């Protein structure tokens, strides 16, 4: 879980709101 969190944080820093929606999708799949 910690790894996924780090990836999410990195994505947010890169893409912002787009990454947030992607993170929500990943959560749903996981």
N, C-alpha and C. Protein backbone atom coordinates (compact mmCIF):
# COMPACT_ATOMS: atom_id res chain seq x y z
N UNK A 1 0.84 -1.20 0.00
CA UNK A 1 0.00 0.00 0.00
C UNK A 1 0.87 1.25 0.00
N UNK A 2 1.97 1.21 0.77
CA UNK A 2 2.83 2.39 0.82
C UNK A 2 3.40 2.70 -0.56
N UNK A 3 3.74 1.65 -1.31
CA UNK A 3 4.28 1.87 -2.66
C UNK A 3 3.26 2.56 -3.54
N UNK A 4 2.01 2.09 -3.47
CA UNK A 4 0.97 2.71 -4.29
C UNK A 4 0.79 4.17 -3.89
N UNK A 5 0.88 4.44 -2.60
CA UNK A 5 0.73 5.82 -2.13
C UNK A 5 1.82 6.69 -2.72
N UNK A 6 3.07 6.21 -2.67
CA UNK A 6 4.18 6.99 -3.20
C UNK A 6 3.96 7.26 -4.68
N UNK A 7 3.54 6.25 -5.42
CA UNK A 7 3.31 6.42 -6.85
C UNK A 7 2.23 7.47 -7.07
N UNK A 8 1.17 7.40 -6.27
CA UNK A 8 0.08 8.37 -6.40
C UNK A 8 0.58 9.78 -6.15
N UNK A 9 1.41 9.95 -5.12
CA UNK A 9 1.93 11.28 -4.81
C UNK A 9 2.78 11.79 -5.97
N UNK A 10 3.61 10.91 -6.52
CA UNK A 10 4.46 11.33 -7.64
C UNK A 10 3.60 11.73 -8.82
N UNK A 11 2.56 10.94 -9.09
CA UNK A 11 1.69 11.25 -10.23
C UNK A 11 1.00 12.59 -10.01
N UNK A 12 0.53 12.84 -8.79
CA UNK A 12 -0.16 14.10 -8.51
C UNK A 12 0.80 15.26 -8.74
N UNK A 13 2.05 15.10 -8.31
CA UNK A 13 3.02 16.19 -8.49
C UNK A 13 3.28 16.43 -9.96
N UNK A 14 3.09 15.39 -10.80
CA UNK A 14 3.35 15.54 -12.23
C UNK A 14 2.13 16.03 -12.99
N UNK A 15 0.96 15.43 -12.72
CA UNK A 15 -0.21 15.70 -13.54
C UNK A 15 -1.31 16.42 -12.78
N UNK A 16 -1.30 16.38 -11.45
CA UNK A 16 -2.31 17.10 -10.68
C UNK A 16 -3.66 16.41 -10.73
N UNK A 17 -4.71 17.13 -11.10
CA UNK A 17 -6.08 16.59 -11.05
C UNK A 17 -6.25 15.34 -11.90
N UNK A 18 -5.55 15.26 -13.02
CA UNK A 18 -5.66 14.07 -13.87
C UNK A 18 -5.21 12.85 -13.09
N UNK A 19 -4.11 12.97 -12.39
CA UNK A 19 -3.60 11.84 -11.61
C UNK A 19 -4.57 11.47 -10.50
N UNK A 20 -5.26 12.46 -9.96
CA UNK A 20 -6.22 12.15 -8.88
C UNK A 20 -7.30 11.23 -9.41
N UNK A 21 -7.84 11.54 -10.59
CA UNK A 21 -8.88 10.68 -11.16
C UNK A 21 -8.31 9.29 -11.44
N UNK A 22 -7.08 9.23 -11.93
CA UNK A 22 -6.45 7.94 -12.20
C UNK A 22 -6.28 7.16 -10.89
N UNK A 23 -5.90 7.86 -9.84
CA UNK A 23 -5.73 7.20 -8.55
C UNK A 23 -7.05 6.62 -8.07
N UNK A 24 -8.15 7.35 -8.29
CA UNK A 24 -9.46 6.84 -7.88
C UNK A 24 -9.79 5.58 -8.67
N UNK A 25 -9.50 5.59 -9.97
CA UNK A 25 -9.75 4.40 -10.79
C UNK A 25 -8.92 3.23 -10.27
N UNK A 26 -7.64 3.49 -9.98
CA UNK A 26 -6.77 2.42 -9.48
C UNK A 26 -7.32 1.88 -8.17
N UNK A 27 -7.84 2.76 -7.32
CA UNK A 27 -8.41 2.31 -6.06
C UNK A 27 -9.58 1.38 -6.33
N UNK A 28 -10.43 1.75 -7.27
CA UNK A 28 -11.59 0.92 -7.59
C UNK A 28 -11.15 -0.45 -8.08
N UNK A 29 -10.11 -0.49 -8.91
CA UNK A 29 -9.63 -1.76 -9.43
C UNK A 29 -8.99 -2.58 -8.31
N UNK A 30 -8.27 -1.92 -7.43
CA UNK A 30 -7.62 -2.63 -6.33
C UNK A 30 -8.66 -2.96 -5.26
